[in-house]
Amino acid sequence: MKYLLGIAALAFCLSAPSLVLAQEGNEYNHAEVGVFVDYLNYARTHPHINFFGLGGRAAFNAGRYAQVEAEMNYDFKRNYTNEISNGVSTQFVTTRLRPLSALFGPKFNTNVGEARAFFTFKAGFVNFSTTTENPPSGFTNAVGTITTGNTRPALYPGVGLEGFWGPFGLRFDLGDDIYFDNGARNNLRLTFGPAIRF
């Protein structure tokens, strides 16, 4: 019996380093969460309104080169300049429009080292609410009116770069936030923010 326990202990001691090395490259490759600052160039209005907001995302690995990702963001009120009919005077106008986006879909990455490029294609919706309230209550009301408000189907094809230092990283996305309202409406969208993978 002592002989069998000695062999089992020796086998464990010899295999432990190889088990640790096998797991070392995959310790942060299960899921990813992050927050981001969002820029949306809403192209339907004249002049275009440049919205800024905050969002969050979560992704789960579906393989070495693919993730399934969901994200949501809310854009805040904006002031924009409105030209008076005389062509010389302008005035600042606060828009009551508040876009809320929720998207879900795959993200395919190069998985080359700690820095990698990726492509994503997501589907979801954009809800356009109008309010004069500040962000917390405006966001709550926008979420509450998704089924009854001005909600449109949306697609988001995009590309980006992300870099990680251990579990912490930074991510940059660039894409076309397309929503459908009597045809496709294209809007430039940029996001940037930190991410944690585990």
N, C-alpha and C. Protein backbone atom coordinates (compact mmCIF):
# COMPACT_ATOMS: atom_id res chain seq x y z
N MET A 1 0.82 -1.19 0.00
CA MET A 1 0.00 0.00 0.00
C MET A 1 0.87 1.25 0.00
N LYS A 2 1.95 1.24 0.82
CA LYS A 2 2.86 2.39 0.84
C LYS A 2 3.48 2.59 -0.53
N TYR A 3 3.77 1.47 -1.19
CA TYR A 3 4.38 1.53 -2.52
C TYR A 3 3.44 2.23 -3.51
N LEU A 4 2.11 1.91 -3.51
CA LEU A 4 1.14 2.52 -4.41
C LEU A 4 0.96 4.01 -4.10
N LEU A 5 0.91 4.38 -2.83
CA LEU A 5 0.80 5.79 -2.45
C LEU A 5 2.03 6.58 -2.89
N GLY A 6 3.21 5.97 -2.80
CA GLY A 6 4.44 6.63 -3.24
C GLY A 6 4.44 6.88 -4.74
N ILE A 7 3.97 5.90 -5.53
CA ILE A 7 3.90 6.05 -6.99
C ILE A 7 2.86 7.12 -7.35
N ALA A 8 1.70 7.13 -6.66
CA ALA A 8 0.66 8.13 -6.93
C ALA A 8 1.17 9.53 -6.61
N ALA A 9 1.89 9.67 -5.48
CA ALA A 9 2.44 10.99 -5.12
C ALA A 9 3.49 11.43 -6.13
N LEU A 10 4.36 10.51 -6.57
CA LEU A 10 5.38 10.83 -7.56
C LEU A 10 4.74 11.23 -8.90
N ALA A 11 3.70 10.50 -9.33
CA ALA A 11 3.01 10.81 -10.58
C ALA A 11 2.35 12.19 -10.50
N PHE A 12 1.75 12.50 -9.36
CA PHE A 12 1.13 13.82 -9.20
C PHE A 12 2.17 14.93 -9.26
N CYS A 13 3.29 14.74 -8.56
CA CYS A 13 4.35 15.77 -8.56
C CYS A 13 4.93 15.98 -9.94
N LEU A 14 5.06 14.93 -10.73
CA LEU A 14 5.60 15.07 -12.08
C LEU A 14 4.61 15.69 -13.06
N SER A 15 3.29 15.45 -12.85
CA SER A 15 2.29 15.97 -13.78
C SER A 15 1.81 17.36 -13.41
N ALA A 16 1.96 17.80 -12.18
CA ALA A 16 1.45 19.11 -11.76
C ALA A 16 2.04 20.27 -12.56
N PRO A 17 3.37 20.31 -12.80
CA PRO A 17 3.88 21.44 -13.60
C PRO A 17 3.30 21.50 -15.00
N SER A 18 3.11 20.36 -15.65
CA SER A 18 2.55 20.39 -17.00
C SER A 18 1.09 20.82 -16.98
N LEU A 19 0.32 20.47 -15.94
CA LEU A 19 -1.06 20.93 -15.82
C LEU A 19 -1.12 22.44 -15.64
N VAL A 20 -0.21 22.98 -14.84
CA VAL A 20 -0.18 24.43 -14.62
C VAL A 20 0.17 25.15 -15.90
N LEU A 21 1.16 24.66 -16.64
CA LEU A 21 1.55 25.31 -17.89
C LEU A 21 0.45 25.22 -18.94
N ALA A 22 -0.30 24.12 -18.95
CA ALA A 22 -1.39 23.98 -19.92
C ALA A 22 -2.49 25.00 -19.64
N GLN A 23 -2.72 25.36 -18.38
CA GLN A 23 -3.76 26.31 -18.04
C GLN A 23 -3.30 27.76 -18.11
N GLU A 24 -2.02 28.01 -18.14
CA GLU A 24 -1.48 29.35 -18.05
C GLU A 24 -1.98 30.26 -19.16
N GLY A 25 -2.03 29.79 -20.41
CA GLY A 25 -2.45 30.62 -21.52
C GLY A 25 -3.95 30.86 -21.56
N ASN A 26 -4.73 30.08 -20.81
CA ASN A 26 -6.18 30.17 -20.88
C ASN A 26 -6.82 30.72 -19.62
N GLU A 27 -6.04 31.27 -18.69
CA GLU A 27 -6.62 31.68 -17.43
C GLU A 27 -7.56 32.87 -17.55
N TYR A 28 -7.46 33.66 -18.62
CA TYR A 28 -8.33 34.82 -18.81
C TYR A 28 -9.17 34.67 -20.07
N ASN A 29 -9.50 33.45 -20.46
CA ASN A 29 -10.18 33.25 -21.74
C ASN A 29 -11.57 32.62 -21.60
N HIS A 30 -12.34 33.04 -20.63
CA HIS A 30 -13.69 32.51 -20.47
C HIS A 30 -14.76 33.54 -20.79
N ALA A 31 -14.58 34.76 -20.29
CA ALA A 31 -15.58 35.81 -20.47
C ALA A 31 -14.89 37.17 -20.37
N GLU A 32 -15.63 38.19 -20.77
CA GLU A 32 -15.10 39.55 -20.76
C GLU A 32 -16.25 40.51 -20.44
N VAL A 33 -16.02 41.46 -19.56
CA VAL A 33 -16.99 42.51 -19.27
C VAL A 33 -16.29 43.86 -19.39
N GLY A 34 -17.06 44.89 -19.73
CA GLY A 34 -16.45 46.20 -19.87
C GLY A 34 -17.49 47.31 -19.88
N VAL A 35 -17.00 48.51 -19.72
CA VAL A 35 -17.81 49.72 -19.84
C VAL A 35 -17.18 50.57 -20.93
N PHE A 36 -17.95 51.48 -21.49
CA PHE A 36 -17.40 52.29 -22.57
C PHE A 36 -18.08 53.64 -22.66
N VAL A 37 -17.36 54.57 -23.26
CA VAL A 37 -17.90 55.87 -23.65
C VAL A 37 -18.32 55.71 -25.10
N ASP A 38 -19.49 56.23 -25.43
CA ASP A 38 -20.08 56.03 -26.74
C ASP A 38 -20.23 57.38 -27.46
N TYR A 39 -19.89 57.41 -28.74
CA TYR A 39 -20.13 58.57 -29.61
C TYR A 39 -21.00 58.11 -30.76
N LEU A 40 -22.11 58.81 -30.98
CA LEU A 40 -23.03 58.47 -32.07
C LEU A 40 -23.31 59.73 -32.87
N ASN A 41 -23.02 59.67 -34.17
CA ASN A 41 -23.33 60.78 -35.07
C ASN A 41 -24.69 60.48 -35.68
N TYR A 42 -25.73 61.09 -35.12
CA TYR A 42 -27.10 60.86 -35.57
C TYR A 42 -27.31 61.66 -36.85
N ALA A 43 -27.29 60.96 -37.98
CA ALA A 43 -27.22 61.60 -39.28
C ALA A 43 -28.57 62.02 -39.85
N ARG A 44 -29.67 61.67 -39.21
CA ARG A 44 -30.97 61.96 -39.80
C ARG A 44 -31.37 63.42 -39.64
N THR A 45 -30.86 64.08 -38.63
CA THR A 45 -31.24 65.48 -38.40
C THR A 45 -30.33 66.41 -39.18
N HIS A 46 -30.77 67.63 -39.35
CA HIS A 46 -29.92 68.65 -39.96
C HIS A 46 -29.92 69.87 -39.05
N PRO A 47 -28.80 70.27 -38.47
CA PRO A 47 -27.50 69.61 -38.62
C PRO A 47 -27.46 68.30 -37.85
N HIS A 48 -26.47 67.46 -38.16
CA HIS A 48 -26.31 66.19 -37.46
C HIS A 48 -26.09 66.48 -35.98
N ILE A 49 -26.62 65.61 -35.12
CA ILE A 49 -26.41 65.75 -33.67
C ILE A 49 -25.38 64.70 -33.25
N ASN A 50 -24.35 65.13 -32.56
CA ASN A 50 -23.31 64.23 -32.06
C ASN A 50 -23.63 63.88 -30.61
N PHE A 51 -24.11 62.67 -30.38
CA PHE A 51 -24.47 62.23 -29.04
C PHE A 51 -23.27 61.57 -28.36
N PHE A 52 -23.20 61.73 -27.03
CA PHE A 52 -22.22 61.05 -26.20
C PHE A 52 -22.96 60.35 -25.08
N GLY A 53 -22.51 59.16 -24.72
CA GLY A 53 -23.18 58.42 -23.66
C GLY A 53 -22.28 57.38 -23.04
N LEU A 54 -22.87 56.54 -22.22
CA LEU A 54 -22.17 55.47 -21.52
C LEU A 54 -22.85 54.15 -21.81
N GLY A 55 -22.07 53.08 -21.74
CA GLY A 55 -22.64 51.76 -21.96
C GLY A 55 -21.84 50.68 -21.28
N GLY A 56 -22.35 49.48 -21.37
CA GLY A 56 -21.68 48.31 -20.82
C GLY A 56 -21.87 47.12 -21.74
N ARG A 57 -20.95 46.17 -21.64
CA ARG A 57 -21.03 44.97 -22.49
C ARG A 57 -20.50 43.76 -21.72
N ALA A 58 -20.98 42.59 -22.15
CA ALA A 58 -20.51 41.32 -21.59
C ALA A 58 -20.37 40.33 -22.75
N ALA A 59 -19.30 39.55 -22.73
CA ALA A 59 -19.04 38.58 -23.80
C ALA A 59 -18.61 37.26 -23.18
N PHE A 60 -19.01 36.17 -23.84
CA PHE A 60 -18.63 34.84 -23.41
C PHE A 60 -17.96 34.14 -24.59
N ASN A 61 -16.84 33.49 -24.31
CA ASN A 61 -16.09 32.84 -25.38
C ASN A 61 -16.85 31.65 -25.95
N ALA A 62 -16.90 31.61 -27.28
CA ALA A 62 -17.51 30.49 -27.98
C ALA A 62 -16.45 29.66 -28.69
N GLY A 63 -15.21 30.03 -28.52
CA GLY A 63 -14.08 29.35 -29.15
C GLY A 63 -12.86 30.24 -29.04
N ARG A 64 -11.77 29.80 -29.62
CA ARG A 64 -10.53 30.57 -29.53
C ARG A 64 -10.62 31.90 -30.27
N TYR A 65 -11.37 31.95 -31.36
CA TYR A 65 -11.44 33.14 -32.19
C TYR A 65 -12.82 33.80 -32.20
N ALA A 66 -13.73 33.39 -31.32
CA ALA A 66 -15.08 33.94 -31.37
C ALA A 66 -15.65 34.13 -29.96
N GLN A 67 -16.47 35.16 -29.82
CA GLN A 67 -17.21 35.43 -28.60
C GLN A 67 -18.65 35.75 -28.97
N VAL A 68 -19.55 35.53 -28.03
CA VAL A 68 -20.93 35.98 -28.15
C VAL A 68 -21.07 37.16 -27.18
N GLU A 69 -21.52 38.30 -27.69
CA GLU A 69 -21.46 39.54 -26.91
C GLU A 69 -22.80 40.26 -26.91
N ALA A 70 -23.13 40.87 -25.77
CA ALA A 70 -24.32 41.71 -25.63
C ALA A 70 -23.87 43.05 -25.06
N GLU A 71 -24.51 44.12 -25.51
CA GLU A 71 -24.16 45.45 -25.01
C GLU A 71 -25.38 46.36 -25.00
N MET A 72 -25.33 47.36 -24.13
CA MET A 72 -26.38 48.38 -24.07
C MET A 72 -25.73 49.71 -23.75
N ASN A 73 -26.23 50.78 -24.39
CA ASN A 73 -25.73 52.12 -24.09
C ASN A 73 -26.84 53.14 -24.15
N TYR A 74 -26.65 54.24 -23.43
CA TYR A 74 -27.62 55.34 -23.34
C TYR A 74 -26.88 56.64 -23.62
N ASP A 75 -27.42 57.43 -24.54
CA ASP A 75 -26.79 58.70 -24.90
C ASP A 75 -27.52 59.85 -24.22
N PHE A 76 -26.76 60.83 -23.75
CA PHE A 76 -27.29 61.93 -22.96
C PHE A 76 -27.78 63.07 -23.85
N LYS A 77 -28.43 64.04 -23.21
CA LYS A 77 -28.92 65.20 -23.96
C LYS A 77 -27.74 65.97 -24.54
N ARG A 78 -28.01 66.66 -25.65
CA ARG A 78 -26.97 67.40 -26.35
C ARG A 78 -27.46 68.79 -26.72
N ASN A 79 -26.54 69.73 -26.68
CA ASN A 79 -26.79 71.05 -27.25
C ASN A 79 -26.20 71.07 -28.65
N TYR A 80 -26.89 71.69 -29.57
CA TYR A 80 -26.35 71.86 -30.91
C TYR A 80 -26.71 73.24 -31.41
N THR A 81 -26.00 73.70 -32.40
CA THR A 81 -26.25 75.05 -32.92
C THR A 81 -27.27 74.99 -34.04
N ASN A 82 -28.19 75.92 -33.99
CA ASN A 82 -29.23 76.02 -35.00
C ASN A 82 -29.09 77.38 -35.67
N GLU A 83 -28.90 77.38 -36.97
CA GLU A 83 -28.69 78.63 -37.69
C GLU A 83 -30.03 79.33 -37.90
N ILE A 84 -30.08 80.63 -37.57
CA ILE A 84 -31.27 81.45 -37.79
C ILE A 84 -31.39 81.74 -39.29
N SER A 85 -32.57 82.00 -39.76
CA SER A 85 -32.82 82.14 -41.19
C SER A 85 -32.02 83.25 -41.87
N ASN A 86 -31.47 84.21 -41.12
CA ASN A 86 -30.71 85.28 -41.76
C ASN A 86 -29.31 84.82 -42.19
N GLY A 87 -28.91 83.57 -41.82
CA GLY A 87 -27.64 83.02 -42.26
C GLY A 87 -26.45 83.49 -41.45
N VAL A 88 -26.63 84.40 -40.51
CA VAL A 88 -25.52 84.93 -39.73
C VAL A 88 -25.62 84.49 -38.27
N SER A 89 -26.79 84.56 -37.70
CA SER A 89 -26.98 84.27 -36.29
C SER A 89 -27.17 82.78 -36.05
N THR A 90 -26.68 82.31 -34.93
CA THR A 90 -26.91 80.93 -34.51
C THR A 90 -27.38 80.95 -33.06
N GLN A 91 -28.04 79.88 -32.66
CA GLN A 91 -28.47 79.75 -31.28
C GLN A 91 -28.23 78.32 -30.82
N PHE A 92 -28.02 78.15 -29.51
CA PHE A 92 -27.86 76.81 -28.96
C PHE A 92 -29.23 76.24 -28.64
N VAL A 93 -29.46 75.01 -29.05
CA VAL A 93 -30.72 74.33 -28.81
C VAL A 93 -30.41 73.01 -28.11
N THR A 94 -31.17 72.68 -27.07
CA THR A 94 -31.00 71.39 -26.39
C THR A 94 -32.00 70.40 -26.98
N THR A 95 -31.49 69.30 -27.49
CA THR A 95 -32.38 68.28 -28.03
C THR A 95 -32.98 67.46 -26.89
N ARG A 96 -34.22 67.06 -27.04
CA ARG A 96 -34.89 66.21 -26.06
C ARG A 96 -34.72 64.74 -26.41
N LEU A 97 -34.15 64.44 -27.56
CA LEU A 97 -33.99 63.08 -28.04
C LEU A 97 -32.90 62.35 -27.25
N ARG A 98 -33.18 61.11 -26.84
CA ARG A 98 -32.22 60.28 -26.11
C ARG A 98 -32.19 58.88 -26.70
N PRO A 99 -31.18 58.52 -27.50
CA PRO A 99 -31.10 57.15 -28.03
C PRO A 99 -30.64 56.15 -26.96
N LEU A 100 -31.29 55.00 -26.94
CA LEU A 100 -30.91 53.86 -26.11
C LEU A 100 -30.76 52.67 -27.04
N SER A 101 -29.57 52.04 -27.05
CA SER A 101 -29.30 50.92 -27.96
C SER A 101 -29.02 49.66 -27.17
N ALA A 102 -29.50 48.54 -27.68
CA ALA A 102 -29.18 47.22 -27.14
C ALA A 102 -28.88 46.30 -28.32
N LEU A 103 -27.71 45.68 -28.30
CA LEU A 103 -27.26 44.86 -29.43
C LEU A 103 -26.70 43.53 -28.93
N PHE A 104 -26.82 42.49 -29.76
CA PHE A 104 -26.35 41.16 -29.40
C PHE A 104 -25.84 40.46 -30.66
N GLY A 105 -24.69 39.81 -30.55
CA GLY A 105 -24.18 39.07 -31.70
C GLY A 105 -22.76 38.59 -31.51
N PRO A 106 -22.19 38.00 -32.56
CA PRO A 106 -20.84 37.43 -32.47
C PRO A 106 -19.74 38.48 -32.66
N LYS A 107 -18.59 38.18 -32.08
CA LYS A 107 -17.38 38.98 -32.26
C LYS A 107 -16.27 38.01 -32.63
N PHE A 108 -15.63 38.24 -33.76
CA PHE A 108 -14.56 37.36 -34.23
C PHE A 108 -13.24 38.11 -34.11
N ASN A 109 -12.25 37.51 -33.45
CA ASN A 109 -10.97 38.20 -33.25
C ASN A 109 -9.81 37.39 -33.81
N THR A 110 -8.68 38.09 -33.95
CA THR A 110 -7.48 37.45 -34.49
C THR A 110 -6.76 36.61 -33.45
N ASN A 111 -6.94 36.93 -32.18
CA ASN A 111 -6.34 36.19 -31.06
C ASN A 111 -4.83 36.04 -31.23
N VAL A 112 -4.18 37.13 -31.61
CA VAL A 112 -2.73 37.14 -31.77
C VAL A 112 -2.13 37.93 -30.62
N GLY A 113 -1.57 37.25 -29.65
CA GLY A 113 -0.93 37.91 -28.52
C GLY A 113 -1.91 38.68 -27.66
N GLU A 114 -1.40 39.70 -26.99
CA GLU A 114 -2.22 40.50 -26.09
C GLU A 114 -2.98 41.60 -26.80
N ALA A 115 -2.58 41.95 -28.02
CA ALA A 115 -3.30 42.93 -28.83
C ALA A 115 -3.95 42.19 -30.00
N ARG A 116 -5.21 42.50 -30.25
CA ARG A 116 -5.88 41.80 -31.33
C ARG A 116 -6.92 42.69 -32.00
N ALA A 117 -7.11 42.44 -33.28
CA ALA A 117 -8.15 43.10 -34.05
C ALA A 117 -9.39 42.21 -34.04
N PHE A 118 -10.54 42.83 -34.26
CA PHE A 118 -11.76 42.03 -34.30
C PHE A 118 -12.79 42.63 -35.25
N PHE A 119 -13.75 41.80 -35.62
CA PHE A 119 -14.90 42.17 -36.42
C PHE A 119 -16.14 41.71 -35.68
N THR A 120 -17.19 42.53 -35.67
CA THR A 120 -18.43 42.15 -35.00
C THR A 120 -19.63 42.48 -35.88
N PHE A 121 -20.67 41.70 -35.72
CA PHE A 121 -21.93 41.97 -36.41
C PHE A 121 -23.05 41.65 -35.43
N LYS A 122 -23.75 42.69 -34.97
CA LYS A 122 -24.77 42.52 -33.95
C LYS A 122 -26.13 42.98 -34.45
N ALA A 123 -27.16 42.45 -33.85
CA ALA A 123 -28.53 42.86 -34.14
C ALA A 123 -29.19 43.24 -32.82
N GLY A 124 -30.20 44.09 -32.90
CA GLY A 124 -30.91 44.51 -31.71
C GLY A 124 -31.90 45.61 -32.02
N PHE A 125 -31.90 46.63 -31.18
CA PHE A 125 -32.84 47.73 -31.38
C PHE A 125 -32.24 49.05 -30.92
N VAL A 126 -32.81 50.14 -31.41
CA VAL A 126 -32.53 51.49 -30.92
C VAL A 126 -33.87 52.08 -30.53
N ASN A 127 -33.95 52.60 -29.31
CA ASN A 127 -35.16 53.25 -28.82
C ASN A 127 -34.90 54.75 -28.75
N PHE A 128 -35.76 55.53 -29.37
CA PHE A 128 -35.63 56.98 -29.34
C PHE A 128 -36.70 57.53 -28.41
N SER A 129 -36.29 57.97 -27.23
CA SER A 129 -37.22 58.58 -26.30
C SER A 129 -36.96 60.08 -26.28
N THR A 130 -37.94 60.83 -25.85
CA THR A 130 -37.78 62.28 -25.70
C THR A 130 -38.09 62.64 -24.26
N THR A 131 -37.19 63.37 -23.65
CA THR A 131 -37.35 63.76 -22.26
C THR A 131 -36.48 64.97 -21.96
N THR A 132 -36.82 65.67 -20.90
CA THR A 132 -35.98 66.76 -20.40
C THR A 132 -35.33 66.37 -19.08
N GLU A 133 -35.49 65.09 -18.67
CA GLU A 133 -34.95 64.62 -17.40
C GLU A 133 -33.46 64.34 -17.49
N ASN A 134 -32.83 64.29 -16.33
CA ASN A 134 -31.41 63.98 -16.25
C ASN A 134 -31.18 62.49 -16.49
N PRO A 135 -29.90 62.07 -16.69
CA PRO A 135 -29.61 60.69 -17.09
C PRO A 135 -30.25 59.57 -16.27
N PRO A 136 -30.19 59.54 -14.94
CA PRO A 136 -30.75 58.36 -14.26
C PRO A 136 -32.24 58.14 -14.56
N SER A 137 -33.06 59.17 -14.39
CA SER A 137 -34.49 58.99 -14.63
C SER A 137 -34.79 58.92 -16.13
N GLY A 138 -34.02 59.60 -16.96
CA GLY A 138 -34.20 59.50 -18.41
C GLY A 138 -33.91 58.10 -18.91
N PHE A 139 -32.85 57.47 -18.38
CA PHE A 139 -32.52 56.09 -18.75
C PHE A 139 -33.63 55.14 -18.31
N THR A 140 -34.12 55.30 -17.08
CA THR A 140 -35.18 54.44 -16.56
C THR A 140 -36.43 54.55 -17.42
N ASN A 141 -36.80 55.77 -17.79
CA ASN A 141 -37.98 55.95 -18.63
C ASN A 141 -37.77 55.37 -20.03
N ALA A 142 -36.55 55.49 -20.59
CA ALA A 142 -36.27 54.93 -21.91
C ALA A 142 -36.39 53.41 -21.89
N VAL A 143 -35.87 52.77 -20.84
CA VAL A 143 -35.99 51.31 -20.72
C VAL A 143 -37.45 50.92 -20.56
N GLY A 144 -38.22 51.72 -19.82
CA GLY A 144 -39.63 51.43 -19.60
C GLY A 144 -40.49 51.57 -20.84
N THR A 145 -40.04 52.35 -21.83
CA THR A 145 -40.87 52.57 -23.03
C THR A 145 -40.35 51.80 -24.24
N ILE A 146 -39.50 50.81 -24.04
CA ILE A 146 -38.96 50.05 -25.18
C ILE A 146 -40.08 49.39 -25.97
N THR A 147 -41.05 48.80 -25.28
CA THR A 147 -42.12 48.10 -25.99
C THR A 147 -43.21 49.04 -26.49
N THR A 148 -43.32 50.24 -25.94
CA THR A 148 -44.38 51.15 -26.35
C THR A 148 -43.86 52.42 -27.01
N GLY A 149 -42.57 52.64 -26.95
CA GLY A 149 -42.00 53.88 -27.48
C GLY A 149 -41.61 53.76 -28.94
N ASN A 150 -40.74 54.64 -29.37
CA ASN A 150 -40.26 54.70 -30.75
C ASN A 150 -39.05 53.78 -30.89
N THR A 151 -39.28 52.48 -30.93
CA THR A 151 -38.21 51.49 -30.99
C THR A 151 -38.09 50.94 -32.41
N ARG A 152 -36.86 50.91 -32.90
CA ARG A 152 -36.59 50.46 -34.27
C ARG A 152 -35.58 49.32 -34.25
N PRO A 153 -35.73 48.34 -35.17
CA PRO A 153 -34.70 47.29 -35.28
C PRO A 153 -33.39 47.89 -35.75
N ALA A 154 -32.30 47.29 -35.32
CA ALA A 154 -30.97 47.84 -35.63
C ALA A 154 -29.97 46.73 -35.94
N LEU A 155 -28.98 47.07 -36.75
CA LEU A 155 -27.83 46.22 -37.04
C LEU A 155 -26.57 47.03 -36.77
N TYR A 156 -25.52 46.33 -36.37
CA TYR A 156 -24.25 47.02 -36.11
C TYR A 156 -23.09 46.19 -36.64
N PRO A 157 -22.61 46.48 -37.85
CA PRO A 157 -21.33 45.90 -38.28
C PRO A 157 -20.21 46.83 -37.83
N GLY A 158 -19.15 46.25 -37.26
CA GLY A 158 -18.06 47.09 -36.77
C GLY A 158 -16.75 46.35 -36.71
N VAL A 159 -15.69 47.11 -36.56
CA VAL A 159 -14.33 46.60 -36.40
C VAL A 159 -13.71 47.29 -35.20
N GLY A 160 -12.62 46.72 -34.71
CA GLY A 160 -11.98 47.35 -33.57
C GLY A 160 -10.66 46.71 -33.20
N LEU A 161 -10.05 47.29 -32.18
CA LEU A 161 -8.80 46.81 -31.61
C LEU A 161 -8.95 46.72 -30.10
N GLU A 162 -8.33 45.72 -29.51
CA GLU A 162 -8.28 45.63 -28.05
C GLU A 162 -6.94 45.08 -27.63
N GLY A 163 -6.47 45.54 -26.48
CA GLY A 163 -5.20 45.08 -25.93
C GLY A 163 -5.37 44.76 -24.47
N PHE A 164 -4.74 43.67 -24.02
CA PHE A 164 -4.86 43.23 -22.63
C PHE A 164 -3.49 43.10 -21.99
N TRP A 165 -3.43 43.46 -20.73
CA TRP A 165 -2.27 43.27 -19.88
C TRP A 165 -2.77 42.43 -18.72
N GLY A 166 -2.61 41.11 -18.84
CA GLY A 166 -3.22 40.21 -17.87
C GLY A 166 -4.73 40.26 -18.04
N PRO A 167 -5.47 40.45 -16.94
CA PRO A 167 -6.93 40.49 -17.08
C PRO A 167 -7.49 41.84 -17.52
N PHE A 168 -6.68 42.90 -17.49
CA PHE A 168 -7.17 44.26 -17.77
C PHE A 168 -6.83 44.68 -19.19
N GLY A 169 -7.75 45.40 -19.82
CA GLY A 169 -7.51 45.81 -21.19
C GLY A 169 -8.25 47.07 -21.57
N LEU A 170 -7.97 47.54 -22.79
CA LEU A 170 -8.65 48.68 -23.39
C LEU A 170 -9.18 48.25 -24.75
N ARG A 171 -10.32 48.82 -25.12
CA ARG A 171 -10.96 48.42 -26.37
C ARG A 171 -11.48 49.65 -27.11
N PHE A 172 -11.33 49.62 -28.45
CA PHE A 172 -11.82 50.68 -29.32
C PHE A 172 -12.63 50.05 -30.45
N ASP A 173 -13.86 50.54 -30.67
CA ASP A 173 -14.73 50.05 -31.74
C ASP A 173 -15.08 51.19 -32.69
N LEU A 174 -15.27 50.85 -33.94
CA LEU A 174 -15.74 51.78 -34.97
C LEU A 174 -16.73 51.02 -35.84
N GLY A 175 -17.94 51.59 -36.01
CA GLY A 175 -18.92 50.86 -36.81
C GLY A 175 -20.04 51.74 -37.29
N ASP A 176 -21.00 51.09 -37.95
CA ASP A 176 -22.17 51.74 -38.51
C ASP A 176 -23.39 51.27 -37.74
N ASP A 177 -23.99 52.15 -36.95
CA ASP A 177 -25.19 51.83 -36.20
C ASP A 177 -26.39 52.06 -37.12
N ILE A 178 -26.88 51.00 -37.73
CA ILE A 178 -27.94 51.09 -38.73
C ILE A 178 -29.27 50.76 -38.06
N TYR A 179 -30.22 51.68 -38.13
CA TYR A 179 -31.57 51.35 -37.68
C TYR A 179 -32.52 51.52 -38.87
N PHE A 180 -33.68 50.88 -38.78
CA PHE A 180 -34.61 50.84 -39.90
C PHE A 180 -35.87 51.63 -39.58
N ASP A 181 -36.09 52.70 -40.34
CA ASP A 181 -37.27 53.55 -40.23
C ASP A 181 -37.57 54.08 -41.63
N ASN A 182 -38.46 53.41 -42.36
CA ASN A 182 -38.70 53.72 -43.78
C ASN A 182 -37.40 53.62 -44.56
N GLY A 183 -36.69 52.55 -44.37
CA GLY A 183 -35.40 52.33 -45.01
C GLY A 183 -34.30 52.32 -43.97
N ALA A 184 -33.10 51.97 -44.41
CA ALA A 184 -31.94 51.91 -43.51
C ALA A 184 -31.40 53.30 -43.24
N ARG A 185 -31.09 53.59 -41.98
CA ARG A 185 -30.50 54.88 -41.56
C ARG A 185 -29.13 54.60 -40.96
N ASN A 186 -28.09 55.10 -41.62
CA ASN A 186 -26.71 54.84 -41.20
C ASN A 186 -26.22 55.95 -40.27
N ASN A 187 -25.54 55.54 -39.20
CA ASN A 187 -25.01 56.49 -38.21
C ASN A 187 -23.65 56.00 -37.73
N LEU A 188 -22.65 56.86 -37.81
CA LEU A 188 -21.31 56.53 -37.34
C LEU A 188 -21.32 56.37 -35.83
N ARG A 189 -20.66 55.30 -35.34
CA ARG A 189 -20.59 55.05 -33.90
C ARG A 189 -19.19 54.65 -33.51
N LEU A 190 -18.68 55.27 -32.43
CA LEU A 190 -17.37 54.95 -31.86
C LEU A 190 -17.56 54.63 -30.40
N THR A 191 -16.82 53.64 -29.89
CA THR A 191 -16.81 53.37 -28.46
C THR A 191 -15.37 53.16 -28.00
N PHE A 192 -15.12 53.51 -26.74
CA PHE A 192 -13.79 53.32 -26.17
C PHE A 192 -13.96 53.09 -24.67
N GLY A 193 -13.24 52.10 -24.13
CA GLY A 193 -13.33 51.89 -22.70
C GLY A 193 -12.54 50.70 -22.21
N PRO A 194 -12.48 50.55 -20.88
CA PRO A 194 -11.74 49.44 -20.28
C PRO A 194 -12.57 48.14 -20.27
N ALA A 195 -11.85 47.04 -20.21
CA ALA A 195 -12.49 45.73 -20.15
C ALA A 195 -11.70 44.85 -19.19
N ILE A 196 -12.37 43.87 -18.63
CA ILE A 196 -11.74 42.87 -17.76
C ILE A 196 -12.14 41.51 -18.31
N ARG A 197 -11.15 40.64 -18.45
CA ARG A 197 -11.46 39.27 -18.88
C ARG A 197 -11.08 38.30 -17.77
N PHE A 198 -11.80 37.22 -17.73
CA PHE A 198 -11.57 36.21 -16.68
C PHE A 198 -11.91 34.83 -17.18
